[in-house]
Amino acid sequence: MKKKLLFGLLVLVLVGLLLSVACTLKSLTTPLTPPTRALIDPIVSTQWLSDNRGFPNLVILDVRAPQNYAKGHIPNAINLPGLGSFYLCLFDPNCGLWMELPEEGALLATIGNAGITGDSVVVVVGRTTDPFAPYAVADAARVATTLVYAGIENVALLNGGYDKWAAEGRATSTATVTPTAVTYTGAVNKGMFVTKDYVEGKIGKSVIVDARDADAYFGIVQEPWAKRPGHIPSAKCLPSPWLWTFAKDKNGAITYGTWKDANEIREMARAVLGEDASQEVIVYCGVGGYAGTTWFALSQMVGYTNAKIYDGSIQDWTADPNAPVVKYRCE
């Protein structure tokens, strides 16, 4: 009888200890909440920009091609296509990785030449229609991500881009705006972009996110910049195009693309990645465009505080014949 009683007491003690450890671990998990921004939300509407064109230190950064900017742009917007010409390799597959961060000195000089300072409030305006509308939306987000990397704290994307602004009949201009160059001395966030070796060491330890279309993730299709189809082992599937909605006219042509509601994006991210805001999240895609886009959503909209980008992405990964890839499986 005494043995049974002692055994029962021992079980109760062990259960109590386990519950205590579980509660402690739970308390150590950083809750996932949307980040608080002092001056501007990460996604701003056309109405907000229309109402706030006199906002202190506002820079409207139009990243569309010069010929599109010349045809019409938001008044006072300056034109800075691609912020470093990320697609220099687009028509030269032998030049190396297609989309990588510009060299630090060149990037800071480009930002300064655009008249951007550490106090600037930058609204990035891109293209959101065909050809390749999803890639066009991603281009603007990649620019916004690069500005955050370079130390600009107040960066936002115009929801719907120039196309939605124009479709709503808002004021436009064809006058070229020449910014006053400054010396930009912001500090880059060197830990924000990681290498292939870094990713290899994080498989099974950190959350790795594949931001490509699901067919590319599963290896149903092989992208032209990838040597092999499939995804990095343990990577979760969260395609950037899931984050957007595209409006169409009666003929089915895309008129503009907008971001989905922030609450829907948060629900999506939580379901795929989990609730811990402090966990390390590494995002990659094909060459770096969708990765920057999804990083912007996860870190600036959802609240993951330790998100990183694998800039070389699947192009860099599959160039190594010994780097493993997984097909037809959801991790």
C-alpha atoms as a PDB file:
ATOM      1  CA  MET A   1       0.000   0.000   0.000  1.00  0.00           C
ATOM      2  CA  LYS A   2       2.809   2.397   0.963  1.00  0.00           C
ATOM      3  CA  LYS A   3       4.644   1.562  -2.262  1.00  0.00           C
ATOM      4  CA  LYS A   4       1.538   2.399  -4.308  1.00  0.00           C
ATOM      5  CA  LEU A   5       1.141   5.660  -2.434  1.00  0.00           C
ATOM      6  CA  LEU A   6       4.789   6.586  -2.967  1.00  0.00           C
ATOM      7  CA  PHE A   7       4.522   5.678  -6.641  1.00  0.00           C
ATOM      8  CA  GLY A   8       1.410   7.840  -6.987  1.00  0.00           C
ATOM      9  CA  LEU A   9       3.126  10.766  -5.292  1.00  0.00           C
ATOM     10  CA  LEU A  10       6.149  10.343  -7.555  1.00  0.00           C
ATOM     11  CA  VAL A  11       3.935  10.405 -10.648  1.00  0.00           C
ATOM     12  CA  LEU A  12       2.236  13.575  -9.411  1.00  0.00           C
ATOM     13  CA  VAL A  13       5.619  15.232  -8.799  1.00  0.00           C
ATOM     14  CA  LEU A  14       6.852  14.290 -12.283  1.00  0.00           C
ATOM     15  CA  VAL A  15       3.669  15.570 -13.901  1.00  0.00           C
ATOM     16  CA  GLY A  16       4.027  18.807 -11.976  1.00  0.00           C
ATOM     17  CA  LEU A  17       7.620  19.195 -13.124  1.00  0.00           C
ATOM     18  CA  LEU A  18       6.687  18.548 -16.732  1.00  0.00           C
ATOM     19  CA  LEU A  19       3.869  21.085 -16.569  1.00  0.00           C
ATOM     20  CA  SER A  20       6.228  23.594 -15.003  1.00  0.00           C
ATOM     21  CA  VAL A  21       8.800  23.104 -17.787  1.00  0.00           C
ATOM     22  CA  ALA A  22       6.091  23.366 -20.443  1.00  0.00           C
ATOM     23  CA  CYS A  23       4.788  26.605 -18.948  1.00  0.00           C
ATOM     24  CA  THR A  24       8.328  27.977 -18.746  1.00  0.00           C
ATOM     25  CA  LEU A  25       9.011  27.144 -22.380  1.00  0.00           C
ATOM     26  CA  LYS A  26       5.701  28.691 -23.364  1.00  0.00           C
ATOM     27  CA  SER A  27       6.545  31.863 -21.496  1.00  0.00           C
ATOM     28  CA  LEU A  28       9.868  32.048 -23.352  1.00  0.00           C
ATOM     29  CA  THR A  29       8.100  32.062 -26.712  1.00  0.00           C
ATOM     30  CA  THR A  30       7.762  35.582 -28.035  1.00  0.00           C
ATOM     31  CA  PRO A  31       4.143  36.214 -29.020  1.00  0.00           C
ATOM     32  CA  LEU A  32       3.539  37.085 -32.649  1.00  0.00           C
ATOM     33  CA  THR A  33       2.074  40.578 -32.931  1.00  0.00           C
ATOM     34  CA  PRO A  34       2.127  43.094 -35.786  1.00  0.00           C
ATOM     35  CA  PRO A  35       5.110  45.448 -35.472  1.00  0.00           C
ATOM     36  CA  THR A  36       4.445  49.015 -34.372  1.00  0.00           C
ATOM     37  CA  ARG A  37       5.650  51.697 -36.765  1.00  0.00           C
ATOM     38  CA  ALA A  38       6.053  55.257 -35.579  1.00  0.00           C
ATOM     39  CA  LEU A  39       5.474  57.171 -38.803  1.00  0.00           C
ATOM     40  CA  ILE A  40       4.053  54.989 -41.559  1.00  0.00           C
ATOM     41  CA  ASP A  41       2.462  51.576 -42.096  1.00  0.00           C
ATOM     42  CA  PRO A  42       4.324  49.076 -44.309  1.00  0.00           C
ATOM     43  CA  ILE A  43       1.510  49.157 -46.883  1.00  0.00           C
ATOM     44  CA  VAL A  44      -0.225  52.469 -47.577  1.00  0.00           C
ATOM     45  CA  SER A  45      -3.288  53.099 -49.696  1.00  0.00           C
ATOM     46  CA  THR A  46      -3.634  55.464 -52.618  1.00  0.00           C
ATOM     47  CA  GLN A  47      -6.001  57.501 -50.470  1.00  0.00           C
ATOM     48  CA  TRP A  48      -3.388  57.817 -47.725  1.00  0.00           C
ATOM     49  CA  LEU A  49      -0.773  59.025 -50.199  1.00  0.00           C
ATOM     50  CA  SER A  50      -3.218  61.449 -51.786  1.00  0.00           C
ATOM     51  CA  ASP A  51      -4.047  62.897 -48.372  1.00  0.00           C
ATOM     52  CA  ASN A  52      -0.423  62.991 -47.170  1.00  0.00           C
ATOM     53  CA  ARG A  53       1.619  64.296 -50.078  1.00  0.00           C
ATOM     54  CA  GLY A  54       2.823  67.045 -47.744  1.00  0.00           C
ATOM     55  CA  PHE A  55       3.984  64.567 -45.111  1.00  0.00           C
ATOM     56  CA  PRO A  56       7.303  65.687 -43.536  1.00  0.00           C
ATOM     57  CA  ASN A  57      10.383  64.225 -45.268  1.00  0.00           C
ATOM     58  CA  LEU A  58       8.218  62.253 -47.698  1.00  0.00           C
ATOM     59  CA  VAL A  59       9.979  60.719 -50.710  1.00  0.00           C
ATOM     60  CA  ILE A  60       7.816  59.105 -53.388  1.00  0.00           C
ATOM     61  CA  LEU A  61      10.116  56.618 -55.088  1.00  0.00           C
ATOM     62  CA  ASP A  62       8.884  55.413 -58.473  1.00  0.00           C
ATOM     63  CA  VAL A  63      10.834  52.266 -59.369  1.00  0.00           C
ATOM     64  CA  ARG A  64       9.240  51.610 -62.742  1.00  0.00           C
ATOM     65  CA  ALA A  65      11.143  51.726 -66.015  1.00  0.00           C
ATOM     66  CA  PRO A  66      12.088  55.256 -67.160  1.00  0.00           C
ATOM     67  CA  GLN A  67       9.805  55.074 -70.209  1.00  0.00           C
ATOM     68  CA  ASN A  68       6.809  54.294 -67.993  1.00  0.00           C
ATOM     69  CA  TYR A  69       7.731  57.069 -65.572  1.00  0.00           C
ATOM     70  CA  ALA A  70       7.972  59.524 -68.476  1.00  0.00           C
ATOM     71  CA  LYS A  71       4.452  58.671 -69.647  1.00  0.00           C
ATOM     72  CA  GLY A  72       2.997  59.581 -66.266  1.00  0.00           C
ATOM     73  CA  HIS A  73       3.764  59.380 -62.564  1.00  0.00           C
ATOM     74  CA  ILE A  74       2.556  60.627 -59.210  1.00  0.00           C
ATOM     75  CA  PRO A  75       3.405  64.338 -58.846  1.00  0.00           C
ATOM     76  CA  ASN A  76       6.792  64.929 -57.152  1.00  0.00           C
ATOM     77  CA  ALA A  77       7.790  61.272 -57.507  1.00  0.00           C
ATOM     78  CA  ILE A  78      11.410  60.613 -58.402  1.00  0.00           C
ATOM     79  CA  ASN A  79      12.426  57.767 -60.683  1.00  0.00           C
ATOM     80  CA  LEU A  80      14.906  55.157 -59.527  1.00  0.00           C
ATOM     81  CA  PRO A  81      14.402  51.972 -61.569  1.00  0.00           C
ATOM     82  CA  GLY A  82      15.155  48.827 -59.615  1.00  0.00           C
ATOM     83  CA  LEU A  83      17.432  50.545 -57.066  1.00  0.00           C
ATOM     84  CA  GLY A  84      20.672  49.079 -58.317  1.00  0.00           C
ATOM     85  CA  SER A  85      19.513  47.293 -61.488  1.00  0.00           C
ATOM     86  CA  PHE A  86      18.857  43.934 -59.869  1.00  0.00           C
ATOM     87  CA  TYR A  87      18.066  42.351 -63.214  1.00  0.00           C
ATOM     88  CA  LEU A  88      21.403  43.035 -64.903  1.00  0.00           C
ATOM     89  CA  CYS A  89      21.718  39.309 -65.540  1.00  0.00           C
ATOM     90  CA  LEU A  90      18.218  38.845 -66.923  1.00  0.00           C
ATOM     91  CA  PHE A  91      19.379  38.504 -70.545  1.00  0.00           C
ATOM     92  CA  ASP A  92      22.834  37.145 -69.777  1.00  0.00           C
ATOM     93  CA  PRO A  93      22.546  33.761 -68.065  1.00  0.00           C
ATOM     94  CA  ASN A  94      26.322  33.403 -67.980  1.00  0.00           C
ATOM     95  CA  CYS A  95      26.919  36.456 -65.818  1.00  0.00           C
ATOM     96  CA  GLY A  96      26.370  34.658 -62.516  1.00  0.00           C
ATOM     97  CA  LEU A  97      23.562  35.055 -60.001  1.00  0.00           C
ATOM     98  CA  TRP A  98      20.712  37.081 -61.445  1.00  0.00           C
ATOM     99  CA  MET A  99      19.645  39.212 -58.505  1.00  0.00           C
ATOM    100  CA  GLU A 100      22.022  40.051 -55.678  1.00  0.00           C
ATOM    101  CA  LEU A 101      22.426  42.992 -53.341  1.00  0.00           C
ATOM    102  CA  PRO A 102      24.417  45.843 -54.857  1.00  0.00           C
ATOM    103  CA  GLU A 103      27.847  46.466 -53.390  1.00  0.00           C
ATOM    104  CA  GLU A 104      27.411  48.438 -50.168  1.00  0.00           C
ATOM    105  CA  GLY A 105      29.172  51.624 -51.273  1.00  0.00           C
ATOM    106  CA  ALA A 106      27.287  51.728 -54.562  1.00  0.00           C
ATOM    107  CA  LEU A 107      23.960  51.131 -52.801  1.00  0.00           C
ATOM    108  CA  LEU A 108      24.482  53.919 -50.272  1.00  0.00           C
ATOM    109  CA  ALA A 109      25.565  56.277 -53.053  1.00  0.00           C
ATOM    110  CA  THR A 110      22.439  55.432 -55.062  1.00  0.00           C
ATOM    111  CA  ILE A 111      20.239  56.120 -52.050  1.00  0.00           C
ATOM    112  CA  GLY A 112      21.987  59.433 -51.373  1.00  0.00           C
ATOM    113  CA  ASN A 113      21.733  60.487 -55.014  1.00  0.00           C
ATOM    114  CA  ALA A 114      17.981  59.982 -54.723  1.00  0.00           C
ATOM    115  CA  GLY A 115      17.927  62.558 -51.920  1.00  0.00           C
ATOM    116  CA  ILE A 116      17.001  59.955 -49.305  1.00  0.00           C
ATOM    117  CA  THR A 117      18.255  60.439 -45.741  1.00  0.00           C
ATOM    118  CA  GLY A 118      17.828  58.448 -42.565  1.00  0.00           C
ATOM    119  CA  ASP A 119      14.886  60.699 -41.676  1.00  0.00           C
ATOM    120  CA  SER A 120      13.085  60.164 -44.977  1.00  0.00           C
ATOM    121  CA  VAL A 121       9.671  58.568 -45.133  1.00  0.00           C
ATOM    122  CA  VAL A 122       9.824  56.588 -48.364  1.00  0.00           C
ATOM    123  CA  VAL A 123       6.812  55.312 -50.281  1.00  0.00           C
ATOM    124  CA  VAL A 124       7.871  52.898 -53.020  1.00  0.00           C
ATOM    125  CA  VAL A 125       5.675  52.949 -56.123  1.00  0.00           C
ATOM    126  CA  GLY A 126       5.916  50.134 -58.637  1.00  0.00           C
ATOM    127  CA  ARG A 127       4.134  48.518 -61.545  1.00  0.00           C
ATOM    128  CA  THR A 128       1.418  45.953 -60.827  1.00  0.00           C
ATOM    129  CA  THR A 129       0.202  44.904 -64.273  1.00  0.00           C
ATOM    130  CA  ASP A 130       1.325  42.538 -67.014  1.00  0.00           C
ATOM    131  CA  PRO A 131       3.747  41.588 -68.406  1.00  0.00           C
ATOM    132  CA  PHE A 132       4.554  39.339 -65.446  1.00  0.00           C
ATOM    133  CA  ALA A 133       2.381  41.217 -62.946  1.00  0.00           C
ATOM    134  CA  PRO A 134       3.421  39.149 -59.879  1.00  0.00           C
ATOM    135  CA  TYR A 135       7.094  39.780 -60.627  1.00  0.00           C
ATOM    136  CA  ALA A 136       6.303  43.485 -61.050  1.00  0.00           C
ATOM    137  CA  VAL A 137       4.737  43.641 -57.580  1.00  0.00           C
ATOM    138  CA  ALA A 138       7.755  41.789 -56.221  1.00  0.00           C
ATOM    139  CA  ASP A 139      10.160  44.292 -57.793  1.00  0.00           C
ATOM    140  CA  ALA A 140       8.800  47.147 -55.693  1.00  0.00           C
ATOM    141  CA  ALA A 141       8.839  45.023 -52.544  1.00  0.00           C
ATOM    142  CA  ARG A 142      12.443  44.043 -53.199  1.00  0.00           C
ATOM    143  CA  VAL A 143      13.354  47.737 -53.375  1.00  0.00           C
ATOM    144  CA  ALA A 144      11.543  48.410 -50.090  1.00  0.00           C
ATOM    145  CA  THR A 145      13.363  45.493 -48.483  1.00  0.00           C
ATOM    146  CA  THR A 146      16.718  46.815 -49.713  1.00  0.00           C
ATOM    147  CA  LEU A 147      15.976  50.233 -48.220  1.00  0.00           C
ATOM    148  CA  VAL A 148      15.214  48.598 -44.872  1.00  0.00           C
ATOM    149  CA  TYR A 149      18.498  46.689 -45.167  1.00  0.00           C
ATOM    150  CA  ALA A 150      20.284  49.998 -45.781  1.00  0.00           C
ATOM    151  CA  GLY A 151      18.940  51.478 -42.555  1.00  0.00           C
ATOM    152  CA  ILE A 152      15.866  53.431 -43.691  1.00  0.00           C
ATOM    153  CA  GLU A 153      13.354  52.933 -40.875  1.00  0.00           C
ATOM    154  CA  ASN A 154      10.221  54.360 -42.496  1.00  0.00           C
ATOM    155  CA  VAL A 155       9.605  52.518 -45.768  1.00  0.00           C
ATOM    156  CA  ALA A 156       6.213  51.658 -47.235  1.00  0.00           C
ATOM    157  CA  LEU A 157       4.766  50.189 -50.405  1.00  0.00           C
ATOM    158  CA  LEU A 158       1.941  51.910 -52.258  1.00  0.00           C
ATOM    159  CA  ASN A 159      -0.850  49.351 -52.436  1.00  0.00           C
ATOM    160  CA  GLY A 160      -1.783  48.858 -56.072  1.00  0.00           C
ATOM    161  CA  GLY A 161       1.198  50.860 -57.273  1.00  0.00           C
ATOM    162  CA  TYR A 162       0.969  53.516 -59.939  1.00  0.00           C
ATOM    163  CA  ASP A 163      -1.597  51.475 -61.859  1.00  0.00           C
ATOM    164  CA  LYS A 164      -4.226  51.711 -59.120  1.00  0.00           C
ATOM    165  CA  TRP A 165      -3.426  55.407 -58.604  1.00  0.00           C
ATOM    166  CA  ALA A 166      -4.006  56.108 -62.308  1.00  0.00           C
ATOM    167  CA  ALA A 167      -7.076  53.843 -62.530  1.00  0.00           C
ATOM    168  CA  GLU A 168      -8.714  55.921 -59.804  1.00  0.00           C
ATOM    169  CA  GLY A 169      -8.211  59.086 -61.823  1.00  0.00           C
ATOM    170  CA  ARG A 170      -5.826  60.705 -59.365  1.00  0.00           C
ATOM    171  CA  ALA A 171      -3.441  63.500 -60.330  1.00  0.00           C
ATOM    172  CA  THR A 172      -0.455  62.540 -62.482  1.00  0.00           C
ATOM    173  CA  SER A 173       2.481  64.398 -63.996  1.00  0.00           C
ATOM    174  CA  THR A 174       4.981  63.978 -66.823  1.00  0.00           C
ATOM    175  CA  ALA A 175       7.494  66.458 -65.400  1.00  0.00           C
ATOM    176  CA  THR A 176      10.813  64.857 -64.475  1.00  0.00           C
ATOM    177  CA  VAL A 177      11.706  65.415 -60.825  1.00  0.00           C
ATOM    178  CA  THR A 178      15.440  65.736 -60.127  1.00  0.00           C
ATOM    179  CA  PRO A 179      16.278  65.102 -56.465  1.00  0.00           C
ATOM    180  CA  THR A 180      18.921  67.000 -54.532  1.00  0.00           C
ATOM    181  CA  ALA A 181      21.729  64.545 -53.854  1.00  0.00           C
ATOM    182  CA  VAL A 182      22.908  64.023 -50.280  1.00  0.00           C
ATOM    183  CA  THR A 183      25.536  61.876 -48.602  1.00  0.00           C
ATOM    184  CA  TYR A 184      23.737  58.889 -47.139  1.00  0.00           C
ATOM    185  CA  THR A 185      25.620  57.239 -44.280  1.00  0.00           C
ATOM    186  CA  GLY A 186      23.139  54.715 -42.915  1.00  0.00           C
ATOM    187  CA  ALA A 187      24.327  51.420 -41.443  1.00  0.00           C
ATOM    188  CA  VAL A 188      23.388  48.285 -43.361  1.00  0.00           C
ATOM    189  CA  ASN A 189      21.961  45.271 -41.551  1.00  0.00           C
ATOM    190  CA  LYS A 190      24.618  42.714 -42.465  1.00  0.00           C
ATOM    191  CA  GLY A 191      22.799  39.890 -40.677  1.00  0.00           C
ATOM    192  CA  MET A 192      19.698  40.261 -42.824  1.00  0.00           C
ATOM    193  CA  PHE A 193      21.111  38.418 -45.862  1.00  0.00           C
ATOM    194  CA  VAL A 194      22.667  34.968 -45.507  1.00  0.00           C
ATOM    195  CA  THR A 195      24.738  32.614 -47.641  1.00  0.00           C
ATOM    196  CA  LYS A 196      24.326  29.056 -48.872  1.00  0.00           C
ATOM    197  CA  ASP A 197      26.674  27.731 -46.186  1.00  0.00           C
ATOM    198  CA  TYR A 198      24.615  29.464 -43.533  1.00  0.00           C
ATOM    199  CA  VAL A 199      21.393  27.904 -44.845  1.00  0.00           C
ATOM    200  CA  GLU A 200      22.975  24.444 -44.950  1.00  0.00           C
ATOM    201  CA  GLY A 201      23.755  24.722 -41.260  1.00  0.00           C
ATOM    202  CA  LYS A 202      20.168  25.704 -40.434  1.00  0.00           C
ATOM    203  CA  ILE A 203      18.301  22.821 -42.080  1.00  0.00           C
ATOM    204  CA  GLY A 204      16.120  21.251 -39.409  1.00  0.00           C
ATOM    205  CA  LYS A 205      17.031  23.965 -36.916  1.00  0.00           C
ATOM    206  CA  SER A 206      15.424  27.131 -38.265  1.00  0.00           C
ATOM    207  CA  VAL A 207      12.276  27.712 -40.290  1.00  0.00           C
ATOM    208  CA  ILE A 208      13.202  27.842 -43.991  1.00  0.00           C
ATOM    209  CA  VAL A 209      10.556  29.315 -46.290  1.00  0.00           C
ATOM    210  CA  ASP A 210      10.253  28.768 -50.052  1.00  0.00           C
ATOM    211  CA  ALA A 211       8.458  31.795 -51.527  1.00  0.00           C
ATOM    212  CA  ARG A 212       8.188  30.448 -55.089  1.00  0.00           C
ATOM    213  CA  ASP A 213       5.028  29.202 -56.767  1.00  0.00           C
ATOM    214  CA  ALA A 214       3.875  25.853 -55.417  1.00  0.00           C
ATOM    215  CA  ASP A 215       4.652  24.039 -58.705  1.00  0.00           C
ATOM    216  CA  ALA A 216       8.283  25.138 -58.417  1.00  0.00           C
ATOM    217  CA  TYR A 217       8.411  24.168 -54.730  1.00  0.00           C
ATOM    218  CA  PHE A 218       7.147  20.653 -55.419  1.00  0.00           C
ATOM    219  CA  GLY A 219       9.387  20.235 -58.464  1.00  0.00           C
ATOM    220  CA  ILE A 220       6.506  19.980 -60.923  1.00  0.00           C
ATOM    221  CA  VAL A 221       8.251  22.664 -62.981  1.00  0.00           C
ATOM    222  CA  GLN A 222      11.922  23.573 -63.196  1.00  0.00           C
ATOM    223  CA  GLU A 223      12.646  27.285 -63.378  1.00  0.00           C
ATOM    224  CA  PRO A 224      15.147  28.413 -66.044  1.00  0.00           C
ATOM    225  CA  TRP A 225      17.646  29.641 -63.443  1.00  0.00           C
ATOM    226  CA  ALA A 226      17.566  26.390 -61.447  1.00  0.00           C
ATOM    227  CA  LYS A 227      19.822  23.460 -62.279  1.00  0.00           C
ATOM    228  CA  ARG A 228      17.437  20.980 -60.666  1.00  0.00           C
ATOM    229  CA  PRO A 229      13.744  21.008 -59.688  1.00  0.00           C
ATOM    230  CA  GLY A 230      12.567  20.838 -56.089  1.00  0.00           C
ATOM    231  CA  HIS A 231      13.132  22.670 -52.816  1.00  0.00           C
ATOM    232  CA  ILE A 232      15.664  22.886 -49.993  1.00  0.00           C
ATOM    233  CA  PRO A 233      15.103  20.126 -47.415  1.00  0.00           C
ATOM    234  CA  SER A 234      12.746  21.125 -44.560  1.00  0.00           C
ATOM    235  CA  ALA A 235      11.590  24.276 -46.420  1.00  0.00           C
ATOM    236  CA  LYS A 236       7.956  25.238 -45.986  1.00  0.00           C
ATOM    237  CA  CYS A 237       5.824  26.421 -48.899  1.00  0.00           C
ATOM    238  CA  LEU A 238       4.547  30.012 -48.694  1.00  0.00           C
ATOM    239  CA  PRO A 239       4.300  31.420 -52.244  1.00  0.00           C
ATOM    240  CA  SER A 240       4.549  35.194 -52.579  1.00  0.00           C
ATOM    241  CA  PRO A 241       1.632  35.295 -55.077  1.00  0.00           C
ATOM    242  CA  TRP A 242      -0.642  34.097 -52.262  1.00  0.00           C
ATOM    243  CA  LEU A 243      -0.156  37.522 -50.675  1.00  0.00           C
ATOM    244  CA  TRP A 244      -1.774  39.471 -53.517  1.00  0.00           C
ATOM    245  CA  THR A 245      -5.059  39.975 -55.340  1.00  0.00           C
ATOM    246  CA  PHE A 246      -5.234  41.133 -58.963  1.00  0.00           C
ATOM    247  CA  ALA A 247      -8.157  43.181 -60.249  1.00  0.00           C
ATOM    248  CA  LYS A 248      -9.183  42.539 -63.853  1.00  0.00           C
ATOM    249  CA  ASP A 249     -11.281  44.300 -66.455  1.00  0.00           C
ATOM    250  CA  LYS A 250     -14.176  42.767 -68.378  1.00  0.00           C
ATOM    251  CA  ASN A 251     -11.711  41.246 -70.861  1.00  0.00           C
ATOM    252  CA  GLY A 252      -9.702  39.545 -68.150  1.00  0.00           C
ATOM    253  CA  ALA A 253      -6.717  41.888 -68.359  1.00  0.00           C
ATOM    254  CA  ILE A 254      -5.069  42.829 -65.063  1.00  0.00           C
ATOM    255  CA  THR A 255      -5.731  46.463 -64.153  1.00  0.00           C
ATOM    256  CA  TYR A 256      -3.693  46.478 -60.928  1.00  0.00           C
ATOM    257  CA  GLY A 257      -2.546  44.219 -58.103  1.00  0.00           C
ATOM    258  CA  THR A 258      -2.985  44.841 -54.386  1.00  0.00           C
ATOM    259  CA  TRP A 259      -1.845  43.173 -51.182  1.00  0.00           C
ATOM    260  CA  LYS A 260      -4.371  41.046 -49.353  1.00  0.00           C
ATOM    261  CA  ASP A 261      -5.719  42.213 -46.032  1.00  0.00           C
ATOM    262  CA  ALA A 262      -2.995  42.260 -43.380  1.00  0.00           C
ATOM    263  CA  ASN A 263      -5.009  40.010 -41.059  1.00  0.00           C
ATOM    264  CA  GLU A 264      -5.322  37.378 -43.788  1.00  0.00           C
ATOM    265  CA  ILE A 265      -1.573  37.517 -44.440  1.00  0.00           C
ATOM    266  CA  ARG A 266      -0.868  37.113 -40.705  1.00  0.00           C
ATOM    267  CA  GLU A 267      -3.232  34.133 -40.491  1.00  0.00           C
ATOM    268  CA  MET A 268      -1.525  32.544 -43.488  1.00  0.00           C
ATOM    269  CA  ALA A 269       1.968  33.072 -42.076  1.00  0.00           C
ATOM    270  CA  ARG A 270       1.068  31.780 -38.623  1.00  0.00           C
ATOM    271  CA  ALA A 271      -0.462  28.628 -40.067  1.00  0.00           C
ATOM    272  CA  VAL A 272       2.628  27.852 -42.143  1.00  0.00           C
ATOM    273  CA  LEU A 273       5.445  29.085 -39.886  1.00  0.00           C
ATOM    274  CA  GLY A 274       4.072  28.998 -36.363  1.00  0.00           C
ATOM    275  CA  GLU A 275       3.382  31.586 -33.671  1.00  0.00           C
ATOM    276  CA  ASP A 276       6.854  32.268 -32.278  1.00  0.00           C
ATOM    277  CA  ALA A 277       7.886  35.744 -33.392  1.00  0.00           C
ATOM    278  CA  SER A 278      11.498  35.283 -32.296  1.00  0.00           C
ATOM    279  CA  GLN A 279      12.252  32.072 -34.212  1.00  0.00           C
ATOM    280  CA  GLU A 280      14.746  32.376 -37.038  1.00  0.00           C
ATOM    281  CA  VAL A 281      13.034  32.445 -40.427  1.00  0.00           C
ATOM    282  CA  ILE A 282      15.083  32.193 -43.646  1.00  0.00           C
ATOM    283  CA  VAL A 283      13.282  33.041 -46.880  1.00  0.00           C
ATOM    284  CA  TYR A 284      14.428  32.106 -50.384  1.00  0.00           C
ATOM    285  CA  CYS A 285      12.883  31.911 -53.846  1.00  0.00           C
ATOM    286  CA  GLY A 286      14.229  31.559 -57.398  1.00  0.00           C
ATOM    287  CA  VAL A 287      16.687  34.443 -57.632  1.00  0.00           C
ATOM    288  CA  GLY A 288      15.751  36.832 -54.804  1.00  0.00           C
ATOM    289  CA  GLY A 289      12.633  38.791 -55.821  1.00  0.00           C
ATOM    290  CA  TYR A 290       9.883  36.801 -54.135  1.00  0.00           C
ATOM    291  CA  ALA A 291      12.219  36.225 -51.175  1.00  0.00           C
ATOM    292  CA  GLY A 292      12.491  39.968 -50.571  1.00  0.00           C
ATOM    293  CA  THR A 293       8.727  40.294 -50.947  1.00  0.00           C
ATOM    294  CA  THR A 294       7.865  37.588 -48.449  1.00  0.00           C
ATOM    295  CA  TRP A 295      10.549  38.851 -46.061  1.00  0.00           C
ATOM    296  CA  PHE A 296       8.911  42.290 -46.156  1.00  0.00           C
ATOM    297  CA  ALA A 297       5.521  40.782 -45.339  1.00  0.00           C
ATOM    298  CA  LEU A 298       6.806  38.518 -42.562  1.00  0.00           C
ATOM    299  CA  SER A 299       8.999  41.081 -40.827  1.00  0.00           C
ATOM    300  CA  GLN A 300       7.257  44.380 -41.512  1.00  0.00           C
ATOM    301  CA  MET A 301       3.602  43.264 -41.519  1.00  0.00           C
ATOM    302  CA  VAL A 302       3.302  40.058 -39.511  1.00  0.00           C
ATOM    303  CA  GLY A 303       5.913  40.539 -36.797  1.00  0.00           C
ATOM    304  CA  TYR A 304       8.659  37.908 -37.171  1.00  0.00           C
ATOM    305  CA  THR A 305      11.637  39.658 -35.608  1.00  0.00           C
ATOM    306  CA  ASN A 306      14.432  37.353 -36.792  1.00  0.00           C
ATOM    307  CA  ALA A 307      13.723  36.974 -40.504  1.00  0.00           C
ATOM    308  CA  LYS A 308      16.554  36.653 -43.038  1.00  0.00           C
ATOM    309  CA  ILE A 309      16.928  36.337 -46.817  1.00  0.00           C
ATOM    310  CA  TYR A 310      18.963  33.784 -48.742  1.00  0.00           C
ATOM    311  CA  ASP A 311      19.764  36.052 -51.672  1.00  0.00           C
ATOM    312  CA  GLY A 312      21.305  33.401 -53.928  1.00  0.00           C
ATOM    313  CA  SER A 313      18.143  31.346 -53.484  1.00  0.00           C
ATOM    314  CA  ILE A 314      17.465  28.221 -55.534  1.00  0.00           C
ATOM    315  CA  GLN A 315      19.730  29.402 -58.374  1.00  0.00           C
ATOM    316  CA  ASP A 316      22.715  29.381 -56.049  1.00  0.00           C
ATOM    317  CA  TRP A 317      21.608  26.259 -54.168  1.00  0.00           C
ATOM    318  CA  THR A 318      21.093  24.002 -57.195  1.00  0.00           C
ATOM    319  CA  ALA A 319      24.330  25.175 -58.821  1.00  0.00           C
ATOM    320  CA  ASP A 320      26.023  22.927 -56.264  1.00  0.00           C
ATOM    321  CA  PRO A 321      25.421  19.321 -57.456  1.00  0.00           C
ATOM    322  CA  ASN A 322      25.904  18.079 -53.896  1.00  0.00           C
ATOM    323  CA  ALA A 323      23.256  20.342 -52.356  1.00  0.00           C
ATOM    324  CA  PRO A 324      20.175  18.208 -51.673  1.00  0.00           C
ATOM    325  CA  VAL A 325      16.750  19.028 -53.091  1.00  0.00           C
ATOM    326  CA  VAL A 326      13.363  17.515 -52.289  1.00  0.00           C
ATOM    327  CA  LYS A 327      10.555  16.892 -54.783  1.00  0.00           C
ATOM    328  CA  TYR A 328       6.837  16.079 -54.469  1.00  0.00           C
ATOM    329  CA  ARG A 329       6.788  16.467 -50.691  1.00  0.00           C
ATOM    330  CA  CYS A 330       5.384  19.122 -48.398  1.00  0.00           C
ATOM    331  CA  GLU A 331       7.636  19.669 -45.382  1.00  0.00           C
END
